N, C-alpha and C. Protein backbone atom coordinates (compact mmCIF):
# COMPACT_ATOMS: atom_id res chain seq x y z
N UNK A 1 43.94 -50.30 5.43
CA UNK A 1 42.65 -50.76 4.98
C UNK A 1 41.58 -50.45 5.99
N UNK A 2 40.36 -50.57 5.55
CA UNK A 2 39.22 -50.36 6.43
C UNK A 2 38.78 -48.92 6.44
N UNK A 3 37.92 -48.58 7.34
CA UNK A 3 37.34 -47.26 7.44
C UNK A 3 37.88 -46.58 8.69
N UNK A 4 38.29 -45.34 8.54
CA UNK A 4 38.86 -44.61 9.67
C UNK A 4 37.77 -44.21 10.65
N UNK A 5 38.16 -44.05 11.90
CA UNK A 5 37.23 -43.59 12.93
C UNK A 5 36.65 -42.25 12.48
N UNK A 6 35.37 -42.09 12.66
CA UNK A 6 34.74 -40.83 12.29
C UNK A 6 34.14 -40.83 10.91
N UNK A 7 34.44 -41.82 10.08
CA UNK A 7 33.83 -41.87 8.76
C UNK A 7 32.40 -42.33 8.90
N UNK A 8 31.54 -41.83 8.01
CA UNK A 8 30.13 -42.14 8.08
C UNK A 8 29.86 -43.59 7.68
N UNK A 9 28.82 -44.15 8.28
CA UNK A 9 28.40 -45.50 7.93
C UNK A 9 27.87 -45.55 6.51
N UNK A 10 28.03 -46.70 5.82
CA UNK A 10 27.43 -46.82 4.49
C UNK A 10 25.91 -46.85 4.60
N UNK A 11 25.26 -46.36 3.57
CA UNK A 11 23.80 -46.41 3.54
C UNK A 11 23.16 -45.27 4.30
N UNK A 12 21.86 -45.36 4.47
CA UNK A 12 21.08 -44.31 5.10
C UNK A 12 21.07 -44.52 6.61
N UNK A 13 21.84 -43.71 7.34
CA UNK A 13 21.91 -43.89 8.79
C UNK A 13 20.77 -43.19 9.50
N UNK A 14 19.85 -42.56 8.77
CA UNK A 14 18.72 -41.89 9.40
C UNK A 14 17.58 -42.87 9.72
N UNK A 15 17.59 -44.05 9.10
CA UNK A 15 16.51 -45.01 9.33
C UNK A 15 16.65 -45.64 10.71
N UNK A 16 15.56 -46.19 11.26
CA UNK A 16 15.68 -46.91 12.53
C UNK A 16 16.65 -48.09 12.37
N UNK A 17 17.46 -48.31 13.38
CA UNK A 17 18.46 -49.37 13.33
C UNK A 17 18.17 -50.36 14.45
N UNK A 18 18.20 -51.65 14.14
CA UNK A 18 17.95 -52.68 15.14
C UNK A 18 19.26 -52.95 15.89
N UNK A 19 19.20 -52.78 17.20
CA UNK A 19 20.37 -53.05 18.04
C UNK A 19 20.19 -54.41 18.69
N UNK A 20 21.28 -55.08 18.99
CA UNK A 20 21.22 -56.34 19.70
C UNK A 20 20.60 -57.45 18.87
N UNK A 21 20.78 -57.41 17.55
CA UNK A 21 20.14 -58.39 16.68
C UNK A 21 20.63 -59.81 16.94
N UNK A 22 21.78 -59.95 17.60
CA UNK A 22 22.33 -61.29 17.85
C UNK A 22 21.86 -61.88 19.17
N UNK A 23 21.10 -61.11 19.94
CA UNK A 23 20.67 -61.60 21.24
C UNK A 23 19.19 -61.40 21.43
N UNK A 24 18.72 -61.57 22.65
CA UNK A 24 17.29 -61.48 22.91
C UNK A 24 16.77 -60.05 22.89
N UNK A 25 17.65 -59.06 22.95
CA UNK A 25 17.24 -57.68 23.04
C UNK A 25 17.10 -57.10 21.63
N UNK A 26 15.89 -56.75 21.24
CA UNK A 26 15.67 -56.22 19.89
C UNK A 26 15.11 -54.82 19.93
N UNK A 27 15.72 -53.95 20.74
CA UNK A 27 15.31 -52.55 20.79
C UNK A 27 15.52 -51.92 19.42
N UNK A 28 14.68 -51.01 19.06
CA UNK A 28 14.87 -50.25 17.82
C UNK A 28 15.01 -48.78 18.21
N UNK A 29 16.08 -48.16 17.75
CA UNK A 29 16.29 -46.74 18.04
C UNK A 29 16.63 -46.03 16.75
N UNK A 30 16.45 -44.73 16.74
CA UNK A 30 16.86 -43.94 15.59
C UNK A 30 18.34 -43.63 15.76
N UNK A 31 19.14 -44.03 14.78
CA UNK A 31 20.59 -43.91 14.90
C UNK A 31 21.07 -42.48 14.77
N UNK A 32 20.41 -41.66 13.98
CA UNK A 32 20.88 -40.30 13.77
C UNK A 32 22.20 -40.31 13.02
N UNK A 33 23.22 -39.70 13.60
CA UNK A 33 24.51 -39.56 12.92
C UNK A 33 25.58 -40.44 13.54
N UNK A 34 25.31 -41.71 13.77
CA UNK A 34 26.31 -42.60 14.36
C UNK A 34 27.48 -42.81 13.42
N UNK A 35 28.66 -42.83 13.98
CA UNK A 35 29.89 -43.08 13.23
C UNK A 35 30.54 -44.33 13.78
N UNK A 36 31.45 -44.93 13.01
CA UNK A 36 32.16 -46.10 13.51
C UNK A 36 32.81 -45.78 14.84
N UNK A 37 32.63 -46.67 15.81
CA UNK A 37 33.22 -46.48 17.13
C UNK A 37 32.35 -45.68 18.08
N UNK A 38 31.34 -44.95 17.54
CA UNK A 38 30.46 -44.18 18.41
C UNK A 38 29.63 -45.13 19.28
N UNK A 39 29.36 -44.70 20.50
CA UNK A 39 28.51 -45.49 21.39
C UNK A 39 27.07 -45.04 21.20
N UNK A 40 26.20 -45.98 20.91
CA UNK A 40 24.77 -45.71 20.71
C UNK A 40 24.07 -45.81 22.06
N UNK A 41 22.80 -45.40 22.12
CA UNK A 41 22.06 -45.54 23.38
C UNK A 41 22.12 -46.99 23.89
N UNK A 42 22.25 -47.15 25.20
CA UNK A 42 22.31 -48.48 25.78
C UNK A 42 23.70 -49.08 25.78
N UNK A 43 24.72 -48.29 25.42
CA UNK A 43 26.08 -48.78 25.46
C UNK A 43 26.52 -49.52 24.22
N UNK A 44 25.64 -49.63 23.22
CA UNK A 44 26.02 -50.29 21.98
C UNK A 44 26.88 -49.35 21.15
N UNK A 45 27.67 -49.91 20.26
CA UNK A 45 28.52 -49.10 19.39
C UNK A 45 28.52 -49.70 18.00
N UNK A 46 29.02 -48.95 17.05
CA UNK A 46 29.12 -49.43 15.68
C UNK A 46 30.50 -50.05 15.49
N UNK A 47 30.53 -51.30 15.06
CA UNK A 47 31.77 -52.05 14.87
C UNK A 47 32.41 -51.70 13.54
N UNK A 48 33.69 -51.41 13.57
CA UNK A 48 34.40 -51.02 12.35
C UNK A 48 34.50 -52.15 11.34
N UNK A 49 34.71 -53.36 11.77
CA UNK A 49 34.87 -54.49 10.84
C UNK A 49 33.55 -54.86 10.17
N UNK A 50 32.49 -54.93 10.95
CA UNK A 50 31.22 -55.43 10.43
C UNK A 50 30.24 -54.34 10.03
N UNK A 51 30.40 -53.15 10.62
CA UNK A 51 29.42 -52.08 10.40
C UNK A 51 28.15 -52.30 11.21
N UNK A 52 28.12 -53.35 12.03
CA UNK A 52 26.94 -53.67 12.84
C UNK A 52 27.05 -53.04 14.21
N UNK A 53 25.87 -52.90 14.86
CA UNK A 53 25.84 -52.46 16.24
C UNK A 53 26.18 -53.63 17.13
N UNK A 54 26.87 -53.36 18.22
CA UNK A 54 27.20 -54.40 19.18
C UNK A 54 27.59 -53.78 20.50
N UNK A 55 28.04 -54.61 21.41
CA UNK A 55 28.38 -54.18 22.75
C UNK A 55 29.85 -53.78 22.82
N UNK A 56 30.09 -52.59 23.37
CA UNK A 56 31.46 -52.13 23.56
C UNK A 56 32.13 -52.97 24.64
N UNK A 57 33.40 -53.30 24.44
CA UNK A 57 34.15 -54.04 25.46
C UNK A 57 34.33 -53.15 26.69
N UNK A 58 34.28 -53.72 27.90
CA UNK A 58 34.45 -52.90 29.10
C UNK A 58 35.87 -52.38 29.28
N UNK A 59 36.85 -53.12 28.77
CA UNK A 59 38.26 -52.75 28.91
C UNK A 59 39.00 -53.11 27.63
N UNK A 60 40.16 -52.46 27.44
CA UNK A 60 41.01 -52.80 26.29
C UNK A 60 41.43 -54.27 26.40
N UNK A 61 41.41 -55.01 25.30
CA UNK A 61 41.75 -56.43 25.35
C UNK A 61 43.24 -56.70 25.46
N UNK A 62 44.06 -55.66 25.31
CA UNK A 62 45.51 -55.79 25.47
C UNK A 62 46.07 -54.41 25.79
N UNK A 63 47.33 -54.36 26.17
CA UNK A 63 47.97 -53.10 26.53
C UNK A 63 48.40 -52.33 25.29
N UNK A 64 48.66 -51.06 25.50
CA UNK A 64 49.28 -50.24 24.48
C UNK A 64 48.33 -49.74 23.40
N UNK A 65 48.92 -49.18 22.33
CA UNK A 65 48.13 -48.59 21.25
C UNK A 65 47.16 -49.57 20.58
N UNK A 66 47.57 -50.82 20.43
CA UNK A 66 46.68 -51.80 19.79
C UNK A 66 45.43 -51.99 20.63
N UNK A 67 45.60 -52.13 21.93
CA UNK A 67 44.46 -52.33 22.83
C UNK A 67 43.50 -51.16 22.81
N UNK A 68 44.03 -49.94 22.84
CA UNK A 68 43.20 -48.72 22.81
C UNK A 68 42.42 -48.65 21.50
N UNK A 69 43.09 -48.92 20.39
CA UNK A 69 42.45 -48.85 19.08
C UNK A 69 41.34 -49.89 18.97
N UNK A 70 41.62 -51.11 19.40
CA UNK A 70 40.64 -52.19 19.34
C UNK A 70 39.43 -51.87 20.23
N UNK A 71 39.69 -51.40 21.45
CA UNK A 71 38.61 -51.04 22.37
C UNK A 71 37.66 -50.02 21.74
N UNK A 72 38.21 -49.03 21.08
CA UNK A 72 37.41 -47.92 20.56
C UNK A 72 36.79 -48.19 19.19
N UNK A 73 37.15 -49.28 18.52
CA UNK A 73 36.66 -49.51 17.16
C UNK A 73 35.94 -50.84 16.93
N UNK A 74 36.06 -51.77 17.88
CA UNK A 74 35.50 -53.11 17.66
C UNK A 74 34.65 -53.55 18.85
N UNK A 75 33.57 -54.27 18.56
CA UNK A 75 32.65 -54.73 19.60
C UNK A 75 33.14 -56.03 20.24
N UNK A 76 32.50 -56.37 21.35
CA UNK A 76 32.80 -57.64 22.01
C UNK A 76 32.58 -58.81 21.06
N UNK A 77 31.54 -58.74 20.23
CA UNK A 77 31.24 -59.84 19.32
C UNK A 77 32.38 -60.06 18.33
N UNK A 78 32.88 -58.98 17.74
CA UNK A 78 33.99 -59.11 16.79
C UNK A 78 35.23 -59.61 17.50
N UNK A 79 35.48 -59.14 18.73
CA UNK A 79 36.65 -59.60 19.48
C UNK A 79 36.55 -61.09 19.77
N UNK A 80 35.36 -61.57 20.14
CA UNK A 80 35.17 -63.01 20.37
C UNK A 80 35.45 -63.79 19.08
N UNK A 81 34.99 -63.25 17.96
CA UNK A 81 35.25 -63.91 16.67
C UNK A 81 36.75 -63.98 16.39
N UNK A 82 37.48 -62.89 16.73
CA UNK A 82 38.93 -62.92 16.55
C UNK A 82 39.58 -63.97 17.45
N UNK A 83 39.12 -64.08 18.70
CA UNK A 83 39.71 -65.05 19.62
C UNK A 83 39.59 -66.46 19.03
N UNK A 84 38.45 -66.76 18.43
CA UNK A 84 38.28 -68.07 17.77
C UNK A 84 39.28 -68.22 16.63
N UNK A 85 39.38 -67.19 15.79
CA UNK A 85 40.31 -67.22 14.66
C UNK A 85 41.75 -67.24 15.17
N UNK A 86 42.03 -66.44 16.20
CA UNK A 86 43.37 -66.37 16.76
C UNK A 86 43.85 -67.69 17.31
N UNK A 87 42.92 -68.46 17.88
CA UNK A 87 43.26 -69.80 18.38
C UNK A 87 43.73 -70.69 17.23
N UNK A 88 43.04 -70.57 16.10
CA UNK A 88 43.46 -71.34 14.91
C UNK A 88 44.85 -70.90 14.45
N UNK A 89 45.09 -69.59 14.47
CA UNK A 89 46.39 -69.05 14.06
C UNK A 89 47.49 -69.61 14.97
N UNK A 90 47.25 -69.58 16.28
CA UNK A 90 48.24 -70.08 17.24
C UNK A 90 48.54 -71.56 16.95
N UNK A 91 47.50 -72.35 16.75
CA UNK A 91 47.68 -73.78 16.53
C UNK A 91 48.34 -74.09 15.19
N UNK A 92 47.85 -73.44 14.12
CA UNK A 92 48.38 -73.73 12.79
C UNK A 92 49.84 -73.29 12.65
N UNK A 93 50.17 -72.14 13.23
CA UNK A 93 51.55 -71.63 13.13
C UNK A 93 52.42 -72.09 14.30
N UNK A 94 51.84 -72.83 15.21
CA UNK A 94 52.54 -73.33 16.40
C UNK A 94 53.27 -72.19 17.14
N UNK A 95 52.52 -71.13 17.42
CA UNK A 95 53.11 -69.96 18.05
C UNK A 95 53.37 -70.21 19.53
N UNK A 96 54.50 -69.70 19.98
CA UNK A 96 54.94 -69.80 21.38
C UNK A 96 55.07 -68.37 21.89
N UNK A 97 54.19 -67.97 22.81
CA UNK A 97 54.17 -66.58 23.25
C UNK A 97 55.34 -66.19 24.14
N UNK A 98 56.21 -67.13 24.47
CA UNK A 98 57.44 -66.75 25.16
C UNK A 98 58.46 -66.22 24.15
N UNK A 99 58.15 -66.33 22.86
CA UNK A 99 59.02 -65.87 21.78
C UNK A 99 58.44 -64.55 21.24
N UNK A 100 59.23 -63.46 21.34
CA UNK A 100 58.76 -62.15 20.91
C UNK A 100 58.35 -62.13 19.44
N UNK A 101 59.08 -62.84 18.59
CA UNK A 101 58.74 -62.88 17.16
C UNK A 101 57.39 -63.56 16.95
N UNK A 102 57.09 -64.56 17.76
CA UNK A 102 55.81 -65.26 17.65
C UNK A 102 54.67 -64.35 18.12
N UNK A 103 54.92 -63.55 19.17
CA UNK A 103 53.92 -62.59 19.63
C UNK A 103 53.63 -61.57 18.52
N UNK A 104 54.68 -61.11 17.87
CA UNK A 104 54.52 -60.14 16.78
C UNK A 104 53.74 -60.75 15.62
N UNK A 105 54.01 -62.01 15.29
CA UNK A 105 53.27 -62.70 14.23
C UNK A 105 51.78 -62.76 14.56
N UNK A 106 51.48 -63.10 15.81
CA UNK A 106 50.08 -63.16 16.26
C UNK A 106 49.42 -61.78 16.11
N UNK A 107 50.10 -60.73 16.57
CA UNK A 107 49.56 -59.37 16.44
C UNK A 107 49.34 -59.00 14.98
N UNK A 108 50.30 -59.34 14.12
CA UNK A 108 50.18 -59.03 12.69
C UNK A 108 48.96 -59.72 12.08
N UNK A 109 48.74 -60.98 12.46
CA UNK A 109 47.57 -61.73 11.97
C UNK A 109 46.28 -61.08 12.47
N UNK A 110 46.27 -60.65 13.73
CA UNK A 110 45.10 -60.01 14.32
C UNK A 110 44.79 -58.69 13.62
N UNK A 111 45.82 -57.89 13.39
CA UNK A 111 45.67 -56.60 12.73
C UNK A 111 45.10 -56.79 11.32
N UNK A 112 45.64 -57.76 10.62
CA UNK A 112 45.15 -58.03 9.26
C UNK A 112 43.69 -58.49 9.29
N UNK A 113 43.34 -59.38 10.21
CA UNK A 113 41.98 -59.90 10.30
C UNK A 113 40.99 -58.79 10.66
N UNK A 114 41.38 -57.91 11.59
CA UNK A 114 40.50 -56.81 12.00
C UNK A 114 40.44 -55.71 10.94
N UNK A 115 41.47 -55.56 10.14
CA UNK A 115 41.45 -54.61 9.04
C UNK A 115 41.96 -53.22 9.37
N UNK A 116 43.08 -53.14 10.08
CA UNK A 116 43.73 -51.85 10.32
C UNK A 116 45.23 -52.05 10.27
N UNK A 117 45.99 -50.97 10.43
CA UNK A 117 47.45 -51.07 10.40
C UNK A 117 48.01 -50.68 11.77
N UNK A 118 49.19 -51.17 12.06
CA UNK A 118 49.89 -50.82 13.30
C UNK A 118 50.10 -49.30 13.37
N UNK A 119 50.44 -48.71 12.22
CA UNK A 119 50.66 -47.26 12.16
C UNK A 119 49.38 -46.50 12.52
N UNK A 120 48.25 -46.98 11.99
CA UNK A 120 46.96 -46.36 12.28
C UNK A 120 46.67 -46.39 13.79
N UNK A 121 46.94 -47.53 14.42
CA UNK A 121 46.72 -47.67 15.87
C UNK A 121 47.64 -46.74 16.65
N UNK A 122 48.90 -46.65 16.24
CA UNK A 122 49.86 -45.78 16.93
C UNK A 122 49.45 -44.32 16.81
N UNK A 123 49.04 -43.90 15.61
CA UNK A 123 48.60 -42.51 15.40
C UNK A 123 47.36 -42.21 16.23
N UNK A 124 46.42 -43.15 16.25
CA UNK A 124 45.18 -42.97 17.01
C UNK A 124 45.50 -42.82 18.50
N UNK A 125 46.33 -43.72 19.02
CA UNK A 125 46.68 -43.69 20.44
C UNK A 125 47.38 -42.38 20.81
N UNK A 126 48.19 -41.86 19.91
CA UNK A 126 48.91 -40.61 20.16
C UNK A 126 47.95 -39.43 20.29
N UNK A 127 46.80 -39.49 19.62
CA UNK A 127 45.83 -38.39 19.68
C UNK A 127 44.86 -38.54 20.85
N UNK A 128 44.88 -39.69 21.53
CA UNK A 128 43.90 -39.97 22.58
C UNK A 128 44.50 -40.00 23.98
N UNK A 129 45.68 -39.42 24.17
CA UNK A 129 46.33 -39.47 25.49
C UNK A 129 45.68 -38.53 26.46
């Protein structure tokens, strides 16, 4: 599910786009041909889940293919939203991260919430070595 890296944004991407709409910075720039995951001027990027501009994470939020995929496709804002949702998942399912099956359940919930597949992340990571 979701939109693959490199697919064009919905709508007219030639119009001026407001960056930093969630914070005090309201710069307006011409987006040109921005694609999901592309970094816009000022370090902002287009978030795959929301289609909005946001701040790229400085580092992968986890190791391995999942971390690389998330880093390159989702903004800090979306990751913070997942952390809030993930906390609910941990509590509701009573997940214990010392249990490998529980770690896998958490990852599966995260992947579903973000809207990609484990296979997609593995394929992406294999092309980005």
